[in-house]
Amino acid sequence: MASNFIKGIIGDGFLTEIILTAFMRQIGISPEDTYVLASTSGRCQDLLEQYNVHAVQNSMVFVPPAKMIVLALEANDATEIMRQISRKVSEDVLIISVIQNLKLSEIEKFFPDKMVIRMIVNPWIVSGYGVSTYTVGSNRKEEAGNIARALLTSLGETIEVESEKELEIVGELILSETVYSYITVKTLIETGRKTGLSDEKSKELVMKILSSSTKAVLASDELTSTVVGRSYNQSDYLEKGKELLEKYKIIDNFQKSFEAPLTEKEIFKFRYRR
């Protein structure tokens, strides 16, 4: 099982914290079996205090006998780190990269006989609901593949694609959806509250409305579209809905949410240092 072996994570930023939290919440991975390579002694102390993992700053003493190493650092820092650890990793190690703009071919230069996975992670993996996408490099190994499947499915839904071009397209959709959904759901819940619904009732209704609407849109055909179009033109509820939108300035607030960049801290409430 993915939780029963030593893991290494290279990087100490926001994405590392997302991955650590997902590992521990969703999979039950032990922090005692997790090693993190951080950039400063201060970040080592932060990660030790917050997650109780082994955190070191020196890459020369980092690599444990890990079955899996996650690359979660900046692309321009990755080459030298990979060079330093490439000869020290275990023979059957699985390499998972969540680095944007670093191709599989660049990673496999340093790990030519290892199974390498490039992955774009949806931050919702912290709650077990994330949809992430990945593609596998030129080496597929049975044991590493079993570990990868156990790990990825434990973090939420996954979409395997055949090429890095597809990976980047699907990744853009996934990460865009993360922000769109966040703003949409928060806006609808807030609208419910302002019109007199309790917090719990507003959340319950928004969940049901969005779930059914998504299914309806995906199942839509020409007849369904015609019905929706006629309903849209004739429904008195739309006029009442417009009144609510204007009264509580929902559209204005919705637009402002997209215009003002969201930070990771605002969405996920993590202690994050750049």
C-alpha atoms as a PDB file:
ATOM      1  CA  MET A   1       0.000   0.000   0.000  1.00  0.00           C
ATOM      2  CA  ALA A   2       1.229   3.517  -0.809  1.00  0.00           C
ATOM      3  CA  SER A   3       1.366   4.530   2.861  1.00  0.00           C
ATOM      4  CA  ASN A   4       3.781   1.782   3.935  1.00  0.00           C
ATOM      5  CA  PHE A   5       7.063   2.983   2.458  1.00  0.00           C
ATOM      6  CA  ILE A   6       9.431   5.930   2.660  1.00  0.00           C
ATOM      7  CA  LYS A   7       8.590   9.008   0.592  1.00  0.00           C
ATOM      8  CA  GLY A   8      10.698  11.979  -0.400  1.00  0.00           C
ATOM      9  CA  ILE A   9       9.436  15.398  -1.510  1.00  0.00           C
ATOM     10  CA  ILE A  10      11.788  17.906  -3.088  1.00  0.00           C
ATOM     11  CA  GLY A  11      10.462  21.448  -2.624  1.00  0.00           C
ATOM     12  CA  ASP A  12       9.012  23.446   0.250  1.00  0.00           C
ATOM     13  CA  GLY A  13       6.356  25.720  -1.270  1.00  0.00           C
ATOM     14  CA  PHE A  14       2.595  25.787  -1.318  1.00  0.00           C
ATOM     15  CA  LEU A  15       2.245  22.691  -3.506  1.00  0.00           C
ATOM     16  CA  THR A  16       4.396  20.667  -1.114  1.00  0.00           C
ATOM     17  CA  GLU A  17       2.064  21.629   1.736  1.00  0.00           C
ATOM     18  CA  ILE A  18      -0.942  20.610  -0.369  1.00  0.00           C
ATOM     19  CA  ILE A  19       0.657  17.223  -1.107  1.00  0.00           C
ATOM     20  CA  LEU A  20       1.713  16.618   2.499  1.00  0.00           C
ATOM     21  CA  THR A  21      -1.765  17.432   3.769  1.00  0.00           C
ATOM     22  CA  ALA A  22      -3.397  15.184   1.165  1.00  0.00           C
ATOM     23  CA  PHE A  23      -1.009  12.330   1.967  1.00  0.00           C
ATOM     24  CA  MET A  24      -1.783  12.500   5.654  1.00  0.00           C
ATOM     25  CA  ARG A  25      -5.538  13.187   5.478  1.00  0.00           C
ATOM     26  CA  GLN A  26      -6.528  10.964   2.580  1.00  0.00           C
ATOM     27  CA  ILE A  27      -4.003   8.134   2.687  1.00  0.00           C
ATOM     28  CA  GLY A  28      -2.848   8.104   6.280  1.00  0.00           C
ATOM     29  CA  ILE A  29       0.805   8.382   5.311  1.00  0.00           C
ATOM     30  CA  SER A  30       3.062   8.552   8.357  1.00  0.00           C
ATOM     31  CA  PRO A  31       5.105  11.753   8.681  1.00  0.00           C
ATOM     32  CA  GLU A  32       7.905   9.667  10.209  1.00  0.00           C
ATOM     33  CA  ASP A  33       8.359   8.014   6.800  1.00  0.00           C
ATOM     34  CA  THR A  34       8.342  11.277   4.849  1.00  0.00           C
ATOM     35  CA  TYR A  35      11.425  13.345   4.012  1.00  0.00           C
ATOM     36  CA  VAL A  36      11.332  16.860   2.564  1.00  0.00           C
ATOM     37  CA  LEU A  37      14.193  18.770   0.959  1.00  0.00           C
ATOM     38  CA  ALA A  38      13.659  22.450   1.816  1.00  0.00           C
ATOM     39  CA  SER A  39      15.406  25.602   0.624  1.00  0.00           C
ATOM     40  CA  THR A  40      16.198  27.207   3.995  1.00  0.00           C
ATOM     41  CA  SER A  41      16.651  26.216   7.626  1.00  0.00           C
ATOM     42  CA  GLY A  42      13.591  28.319   8.431  1.00  0.00           C
ATOM     43  CA  ARG A  43      11.391  26.288   6.098  1.00  0.00           C
ATOM     44  CA  CYS A  44      12.828  23.077   7.550  1.00  0.00           C
ATOM     45  CA  GLN A  45      11.677  24.226  10.971  1.00  0.00           C
ATOM     46  CA  ASP A  46       8.254  25.255   9.631  1.00  0.00           C
ATOM     47  CA  LEU A  47       7.650  21.864   8.003  1.00  0.00           C
ATOM     48  CA  LEU A  48       8.882  20.006  11.080  1.00  0.00           C
ATOM     49  CA  GLU A  49       6.570  21.966  13.378  1.00  0.00           C
ATOM     50  CA  GLN A  50       3.508  21.859  11.126  1.00  0.00           C
ATOM     51  CA  TYR A  51       3.757  18.353   9.652  1.00  0.00           C
ATOM     52  CA  ASN A  52       6.294  16.526  11.863  1.00  0.00           C
ATOM     53  CA  VAL A  53       8.204  15.321   8.780  1.00  0.00           C
ATOM     54  CA  HIS A  54      11.959  14.957   8.375  1.00  0.00           C
ATOM     55  CA  ALA A  55      13.042  18.196   6.689  1.00  0.00           C
ATOM     56  CA  VAL A  56      16.617  18.905   5.587  1.00  0.00           C
ATOM     57  CA  GLN A  57      18.287  21.658   3.607  1.00  0.00           C
ATOM     58  CA  ASN A  58      21.291  19.785   2.182  1.00  0.00           C
ATOM     59  CA  SER A  59      20.511  17.730  -0.933  1.00  0.00           C
ATOM     60  CA  MET A  60      23.646  15.650  -0.380  1.00  0.00           C
ATOM     61  CA  VAL A  61      22.131  14.103   2.761  1.00  0.00           C
ATOM     62  CA  PHE A  62      18.529  14.141   1.619  1.00  0.00           C
ATOM     63  CA  VAL A  63      17.801  10.988  -0.327  1.00  0.00           C
ATOM     64  CA  PRO A  64      16.381   8.235   1.908  1.00  0.00           C
ATOM     65  CA  PRO A  65      15.807   4.667   0.658  1.00  0.00           C
ATOM     66  CA  ALA A  66      12.601   6.002  -0.821  1.00  0.00           C
ATOM     67  CA  LYS A  67      10.179   4.070  -3.009  1.00  0.00           C
ATOM     68  CA  MET A  68       8.759   7.347  -4.285  1.00  0.00           C
ATOM     69  CA  ILE A  69      10.156  10.838  -4.787  1.00  0.00           C
ATOM     70  CA  VAL A  70       7.945  13.801  -5.648  1.00  0.00           C
ATOM     71  CA  LEU A  71       9.556  16.712  -7.498  1.00  0.00           C
ATOM     72  CA  ALA A  72       7.727  19.861  -6.372  1.00  0.00           C
ATOM     73  CA  LEU A  73      10.215  22.678  -6.833  1.00  0.00           C
ATOM     74  CA  GLU A  74      10.763  25.418  -9.391  1.00  0.00           C
ATOM     75  CA  ALA A  75      11.780  24.216 -12.855  1.00  0.00           C
ATOM     76  CA  ASN A  76      14.961  26.334 -12.909  1.00  0.00           C
ATOM     77  CA  ASP A  77      16.120  24.723  -9.633  1.00  0.00           C
ATOM     78  CA  ALA A  78      15.322  21.156 -10.658  1.00  0.00           C
ATOM     79  CA  THR A  79      18.253  20.290 -12.939  1.00  0.00           C
ATOM     80  CA  GLU A  80      20.992  20.646 -10.333  1.00  0.00           C
ATOM     81  CA  ILE A  81      18.958  18.861  -7.637  1.00  0.00           C
ATOM     82  CA  MET A  82      18.155  15.945  -9.966  1.00  0.00           C
ATOM     83  CA  ARG A  83      21.836  15.678 -10.886  1.00  0.00           C
ATOM     84  CA  GLN A  84      22.804  15.539  -7.222  1.00  0.00           C
ATOM     85  CA  ILE A  85      20.346  12.810  -6.237  1.00  0.00           C
ATOM     86  CA  SER A  86      20.206  10.756  -9.445  1.00  0.00           C
ATOM     87  CA  ARG A  87      22.889   8.278  -8.399  1.00  0.00           C
ATOM     88  CA  LYS A  88      21.646   7.934  -4.837  1.00  0.00           C
ATOM     89  CA  VAL A  89      18.008   6.960  -5.334  1.00  0.00           C
ATOM     90  CA  SER A  90      16.953   3.347  -4.911  1.00  0.00           C
ATOM     91  CA  GLU A  91      16.858   1.137  -7.985  1.00  0.00           C
ATOM     92  CA  ASP A  92      13.065   0.730  -8.035  1.00  0.00           C
ATOM     93  CA  VAL A  93      12.119   4.293  -7.062  1.00  0.00           C
ATOM     94  CA  LEU A  94       9.059   5.944  -8.631  1.00  0.00           C
ATOM     95  CA  ILE A  95       9.553   9.585  -9.689  1.00  0.00           C
ATOM     96  CA  ILE A  96       6.474  11.834  -9.751  1.00  0.00           C
ATOM     97  CA  SER A  97       6.936  15.378 -11.037  1.00  0.00           C
ATOM     98  CA  VAL A  98       4.392  18.123 -10.384  1.00  0.00           C
ATOM     99  CA  ILE A  99       6.687  20.782 -11.853  1.00  0.00           C
ATOM    100  CA  GLN A 100       5.133  22.971 -14.498  1.00  0.00           C
ATOM    101  CA  ASN A 101       7.109  23.458 -17.724  1.00  0.00           C
ATOM    102  CA  LEU A 102       9.540  20.595 -17.083  1.00  0.00           C
ATOM    103  CA  LYS A 103       9.240  17.908 -19.756  1.00  0.00           C
ATOM    104  CA  LEU A 104       9.450  14.180 -19.116  1.00  0.00           C
ATOM    105  CA  SER A 105      12.483  13.962 -21.382  1.00  0.00           C
ATOM    106  CA  GLU A 106      14.376  16.411 -19.145  1.00  0.00           C
ATOM    107  CA  ILE A 107      13.587  14.344 -16.053  1.00  0.00           C
ATOM    108  CA  GLU A 108      14.404  11.024 -17.697  1.00  0.00           C
ATOM    109  CA  LYS A 109      17.898  12.272 -18.569  1.00  0.00           C
ATOM    110  CA  PHE A 110      18.695  11.884 -14.881  1.00  0.00           C
ATOM    111  CA  PHE A 111      16.514   8.827 -14.222  1.00  0.00           C
ATOM    112  CA  PRO A 112      16.763   6.853 -17.493  1.00  0.00           C
ATOM    113  CA  ASP A 113      15.812   3.495 -15.999  1.00  0.00           C
ATOM    114  CA  LYS A 114      13.134   4.733 -13.578  1.00  0.00           C
ATOM    115  CA  MET A 115       9.377   5.051 -13.992  1.00  0.00           C
ATOM    116  CA  VAL A 116       8.603   8.762 -14.240  1.00  0.00           C
ATOM    117  CA  ILE A 117       5.144  10.306 -14.030  1.00  0.00           C
ATOM    118  CA  ARG A 118       4.395  13.923 -14.835  1.00  0.00           C
ATOM    119  CA  MET A 119       1.287  15.144 -13.051  1.00  0.00           C
ATOM    120  CA  ILE A 120      -0.807  18.302 -12.802  1.00  0.00           C
ATOM    121  CA  VAL A 121      -2.386  18.351  -9.370  1.00  0.00           C
ATOM    122  CA  ASN A 122      -5.741  19.858  -8.533  1.00  0.00           C
ATOM    123  CA  PRO A 123      -5.380  21.460  -5.074  1.00  0.00           C
ATOM    124  CA  TRP A 124      -8.717  19.908  -4.024  1.00  0.00           C
ATOM    125  CA  ILE A 125      -6.766  16.702  -3.345  1.00  0.00           C
ATOM    126  CA  VAL A 126      -6.567  18.010   0.231  1.00  0.00           C
ATOM    127  CA  SER A 127     -10.225  17.021   0.644  1.00  0.00           C
ATOM    128  CA  GLY A 128     -10.130  13.876  -1.521  1.00  0.00           C
ATOM    129  CA  TYR A 129     -12.263  15.450  -4.258  1.00  0.00           C
ATOM    130  CA  GLY A 130      -9.587  16.672  -6.621  1.00  0.00           C
ATOM    131  CA  VAL A 131      -9.415  15.667 -10.269  1.00  0.00           C
ATOM    132  CA  SER A 132      -5.776  15.504 -11.384  1.00  0.00           C
ATOM    133  CA  THR A 133      -4.218  14.483 -14.679  1.00  0.00           C
ATOM    134  CA  TYR A 134      -1.013  12.615 -15.436  1.00  0.00           C
ATOM    135  CA  THR A 135       1.037  10.961 -18.135  1.00  0.00           C
ATOM    136  CA  VAL A 136       3.693   8.253 -17.855  1.00  0.00           C
ATOM    137  CA  GLY A 137       7.179   8.401 -19.337  1.00  0.00           C
ATOM    138  CA  SER A 138       8.927   5.789 -21.428  1.00  0.00           C
ATOM    139  CA  ASN A 139       9.475   3.304 -18.566  1.00  0.00           C
ATOM    140  CA  ARG A 140       6.513   1.448 -17.081  1.00  0.00           C
ATOM    141  CA  LYS A 141       7.315  -0.906 -14.205  1.00  0.00           C
ATOM    142  CA  GLU A 142       4.827  -3.172 -12.486  1.00  0.00           C
ATOM    143  CA  GLU A 143       5.711  -2.419  -8.848  1.00  0.00           C
ATOM    144  CA  ALA A 144       6.080   1.318  -9.406  1.00  0.00           C
ATOM    145  CA  GLY A 145       2.869   1.300 -11.440  1.00  0.00           C
ATOM    146  CA  ASN A 146       0.975  -0.381  -8.596  1.00  0.00           C
ATOM    147  CA  ILE A 147       2.281   2.229  -6.160  1.00  0.00           C
ATOM    148  CA  ALA A 148       1.299   5.046  -8.520  1.00  0.00           C
ATOM    149  CA  ARG A 149      -2.247   3.737  -8.991  1.00  0.00           C
ATOM    150  CA  ALA A 150      -2.770   3.245  -5.250  1.00  0.00           C
ATOM    151  CA  LEU A 151      -1.472   6.731  -4.547  1.00  0.00           C
ATOM    152  CA  LEU A 152      -3.301   8.624  -7.283  1.00  0.00           C
ATOM    153  CA  THR A 153      -6.687   6.994  -6.739  1.00  0.00           C
ATOM    154  CA  SER A 154      -6.410   7.713  -3.006  1.00  0.00           C
ATOM    155  CA  LEU A 155      -6.088  11.433  -3.718  1.00  0.00           C
ATOM    156  CA  GLY A 156      -9.247  11.708  -5.835  1.00  0.00           C
ATOM    157  CA  GLU A 157     -10.238  11.232  -9.459  1.00  0.00           C
ATOM    158  CA  THR A 158      -7.437  10.944 -12.005  1.00  0.00           C
ATOM    159  CA  ILE A 159      -7.284  11.287 -15.776  1.00  0.00           C
ATOM    160  CA  GLU A 160      -4.425   9.551 -17.593  1.00  0.00           C
ATOM    161  CA  VAL A 161      -3.520  11.081 -20.958  1.00  0.00           C
ATOM    162  CA  GLU A 162      -1.226   9.832 -23.703  1.00  0.00           C
ATOM    163  CA  SER A 163       0.945  12.882 -24.309  1.00  0.00           C
ATOM    164  CA  GLU A 164       2.332  15.940 -22.563  1.00  0.00           C
ATOM    165  CA  LYS A 165       0.403  18.173 -24.954  1.00  0.00           C
ATOM    166  CA  GLU A 166      -2.834  16.589 -23.747  1.00  0.00           C
ATOM    167  CA  LEU A 167      -1.584  16.830 -20.165  1.00  0.00           C
ATOM    168  CA  GLU A 168      -1.171  20.576 -20.437  1.00  0.00           C
ATOM    169  CA  ILE A 169      -4.575  21.072 -22.077  1.00  0.00           C
ATOM    170  CA  VAL A 170      -6.405  18.975 -19.468  1.00  0.00           C
ATOM    171  CA  GLY A 171      -4.353  20.608 -16.715  1.00  0.00           C
ATOM    172  CA  GLU A 172      -5.434  24.070 -17.838  1.00  0.00           C
ATOM    173  CA  LEU A 173      -9.076  22.961 -17.738  1.00  0.00           C
ATOM    174  CA  ILE A 174      -8.688  21.430 -14.281  1.00  0.00           C
ATOM    175  CA  LEU A 175      -6.911  24.398 -12.726  1.00  0.00           C
ATOM    176  CA  SER A 176      -9.282  26.910 -14.344  1.00  0.00           C
ATOM    177  CA  GLU A 177     -12.246  24.922 -13.040  1.00  0.00           C
ATOM    178  CA  THR A 178     -10.792  25.068  -9.531  1.00  0.00           C
ATOM    179  CA  VAL A 179     -11.049  28.851  -9.472  1.00  0.00           C
ATOM    180  CA  TYR A 180     -14.315  29.078 -11.435  1.00  0.00           C
ATOM    181  CA  SER A 181     -16.027  26.579  -9.153  1.00  0.00           C
ATOM    182  CA  TYR A 182     -14.727  28.256  -6.022  1.00  0.00           C
ATOM    183  CA  ILE A 183     -16.064  31.659  -7.039  1.00  0.00           C
ATOM    184  CA  THR A 184     -19.360  30.271  -8.381  1.00  0.00           C
ATOM    185  CA  VAL A 185     -20.126  28.171  -5.305  1.00  0.00           C
ATOM    186  CA  LYS A 186     -19.151  30.929  -2.862  1.00  0.00           C
ATOM    187  CA  THR A 187     -21.257  33.461  -4.775  1.00  0.00           C
ATOM    188  CA  LEU A 188     -24.351  31.244  -4.856  1.00  0.00           C
ATOM    189  CA  ILE A 189     -24.066  30.328  -1.161  1.00  0.00           C
ATOM    190  CA  GLU A 190     -23.660  33.995  -0.228  1.00  0.00           C
ATOM    191  CA  THR A 191     -26.733  34.847  -2.316  1.00  0.00           C
ATOM    192  CA  GLY A 192     -28.733  32.255  -0.407  1.00  0.00           C
ATOM    193  CA  ARG A 193     -27.604  33.693   2.910  1.00  0.00           C
ATOM    194  CA  LYS A 194     -28.460  37.255   1.912  1.00  0.00           C
ATOM    195  CA  THR A 195     -31.964  36.232   0.880  1.00  0.00           C
ATOM    196  CA  GLY A 196     -32.663  34.642   4.281  1.00  0.00           C
ATOM    197  CA  LEU A 197     -31.533  31.017   4.046  1.00  0.00           C
ATOM    198  CA  SER A 198     -29.449  29.507   6.812  1.00  0.00           C
ATOM    199  CA  ASP A 199     -25.819  28.741   6.059  1.00  0.00           C
ATOM    200  CA  GLU A 200     -26.411  24.972   6.047  1.00  0.00           C
ATOM    201  CA  LYS A 201     -29.560  25.199   3.911  1.00  0.00           C
ATOM    202  CA  SER A 202     -27.841  27.469   1.408  1.00  0.00           C
ATOM    203  CA  LYS A 203     -24.885  25.032   1.086  1.00  0.00           C
ATOM    204  CA  GLU A 204     -27.224  22.053   0.702  1.00  0.00           C
ATOM    205  CA  LEU A 205     -29.286  23.695  -2.021  1.00  0.00           C
ATOM    206  CA  VAL A 206     -26.266  24.973  -3.962  1.00  0.00           C
ATOM    207  CA  MET A 207     -24.740  21.487  -3.946  1.00  0.00           C
ATOM    208  CA  LYS A 208     -27.952  19.927  -5.288  1.00  0.00           C
ATOM    209  CA  ILE A 209     -28.535  22.661  -7.868  1.00  0.00           C
ATOM    210  CA  LEU A 210     -25.022  22.506  -9.301  1.00  0.00           C
ATOM    211  CA  SER A 211     -24.945  18.711  -9.308  1.00  0.00           C
ATOM    212  CA  SER A 212     -28.226  18.399 -11.209  1.00  0.00           C
ATOM    213  CA  SER A 213     -27.379  21.266 -13.570  1.00  0.00           C
ATOM    214  CA  THR A 214     -24.041  19.700 -14.515  1.00  0.00           C
ATOM    215  CA  LYS A 215     -25.731  16.405 -15.351  1.00  0.00           C
ATOM    216  CA  ALA A 216     -28.423  18.189 -17.355  1.00  0.00           C
ATOM    217  CA  VAL A 217     -25.906  20.175 -19.397  1.00  0.00           C
ATOM    218  CA  LEU A 218     -23.838  17.091 -20.198  1.00  0.00           C
ATOM    219  CA  ALA A 219     -26.961  15.178 -21.216  1.00  0.00           C
ATOM    220  CA  SER A 220     -28.286  18.077 -23.246  1.00  0.00           C
ATOM    221  CA  ASP A 221     -29.580  17.431 -26.763  1.00  0.00           C
ATOM    222  CA  GLU A 222     -31.415  19.596 -29.280  1.00  0.00           C
ATOM    223  CA  LEU A 223     -34.808  19.046 -27.641  1.00  0.00           C
ATOM    224  CA  THR A 224     -33.443  19.840 -24.154  1.00  0.00           C
ATOM    225  CA  SER A 225     -31.819  22.999 -25.456  1.00  0.00           C
ATOM    226  CA  THR A 226     -35.114  24.086 -27.027  1.00  0.00           C
ATOM    227  CA  VAL A 227     -36.995  23.505 -23.766  1.00  0.00           C
ATOM    228  CA  VAL A 228     -34.392  25.445 -21.810  1.00  0.00           C
ATOM    229  CA  GLY A 229     -34.487  28.280 -24.324  1.00  0.00           C
ATOM    230  CA  ARG A 230     -38.279  28.587 -24.181  1.00  0.00           C
ATOM    231  CA  SER A 231     -38.265  28.348 -20.405  1.00  0.00           C
ATOM    232  CA  TYR A 232     -35.655  31.085 -20.274  1.00  0.00           C
ATOM    233  CA  ASN A 233     -37.805  33.407 -22.391  1.00  0.00           C
ATOM    234  CA  GLN A 234     -41.080  32.742 -20.573  1.00  0.00           C
ATOM    235  CA  SER A 235     -40.237  32.180 -16.933  1.00  0.00           C
ATOM    236  CA  ASP A 236     -41.382  34.739 -14.379  1.00  0.00           C
ATOM    237  CA  TYR A 237     -38.730  33.373 -12.048  1.00  0.00           C
ATOM    238  CA  LEU A 238     -36.006  34.826 -14.240  1.00  0.00           C
ATOM    239  CA  GLU A 239     -37.317  38.325 -13.662  1.00  0.00           C
ATOM    240  CA  LYS A 240     -37.391  37.680  -9.923  1.00  0.00           C
ATOM    241  CA  GLY A 241     -33.895  36.238 -10.158  1.00  0.00           C
ATOM    242  CA  LYS A 242     -32.672  39.351 -11.938  1.00  0.00           C
ATOM    243  CA  GLU A 243     -34.166  41.483  -9.172  1.00  0.00           C
ATOM    244  CA  LEU A 244     -32.203  39.512  -6.576  1.00  0.00           C
ATOM    245  CA  LEU A 245     -28.996  39.798  -8.594  1.00  0.00           C
ATOM    246  CA  GLU A 246     -29.412  43.563  -8.847  1.00  0.00           C
ATOM    247  CA  LYS A 247     -30.547  44.032  -5.241  1.00  0.00           C
ATOM    248  CA  TYR A 248     -27.550  42.234  -3.763  1.00  0.00           C
ATOM    249  CA  LYS A 249     -25.094  43.244  -6.520  1.00  0.00           C
ATOM    250  CA  ILE A 250     -24.298  39.585  -7.162  1.00  0.00           C
ATOM    251  CA  ILE A 251     -23.113  40.081 -10.751  1.00  0.00           C
ATOM    252  CA  ASP A 252     -20.867  42.984  -9.773  1.00  0.00           C
ATOM    253  CA  ASN A 253     -19.326  41.015  -6.915  1.00  0.00           C
ATOM    254  CA  PHE A 254     -18.926  37.958  -9.140  1.00  0.00           C
ATOM    255  CA  GLN A 255     -17.046  39.967 -11.764  1.00  0.00           C
ATOM    256  CA  LYS A 256     -14.867  41.639  -9.147  1.00  0.00           C
ATOM    257  CA  SER A 257     -13.889  38.208  -7.796  1.00  0.00           C
ATOM    258  CA  PHE A 258     -12.381  37.332 -11.172  1.00  0.00           C
ATOM    259  CA  GLU A 259     -10.737  40.710 -11.592  1.00  0.00           C
ATOM    260  CA  ALA A 260      -9.037  40.539  -8.178  1.00  0.00           C
ATOM    261  CA  PRO A 261      -6.512  37.659  -8.259  1.00  0.00           C
ATOM    262  CA  LEU A 262      -7.147  34.991  -5.664  1.00  0.00           C
ATOM    263  CA  THR A 263      -4.177  33.868  -3.619  1.00  0.00           C
ATOM    264  CA  GLU A 264      -3.574  30.308  -2.506  1.00  0.00           C
ATOM    265  CA  LYS A 265      -3.888  31.437   1.092  1.00  0.00           C
ATOM    266  CA  GLU A 266      -7.370  32.907   0.537  1.00  0.00           C
ATOM    267  CA  ILE A 267      -8.679  29.683  -0.991  1.00  0.00           C
ATOM    268  CA  PHE A 268      -6.966  26.989   1.027  1.00  0.00           C
ATOM    269  CA  LYS A 269      -6.045  28.722   4.309  1.00  0.00           C
ATOM    270  CA  PHE A 270      -2.549  27.266   4.394  1.00  0.00           C
ATOM    271  CA  ARG A 271       0.391  28.889   6.037  1.00  0.00           C
ATOM    272  CA  TYR A 272       2.370  29.741   2.940  1.00  0.00           C
ATOM    273  CA  ARG A 273       5.649  31.548   2.437  1.00  0.00           C
ATOM    274  CA  ARG A 274       7.018  32.420  -0.981  1.00  0.00           C
END
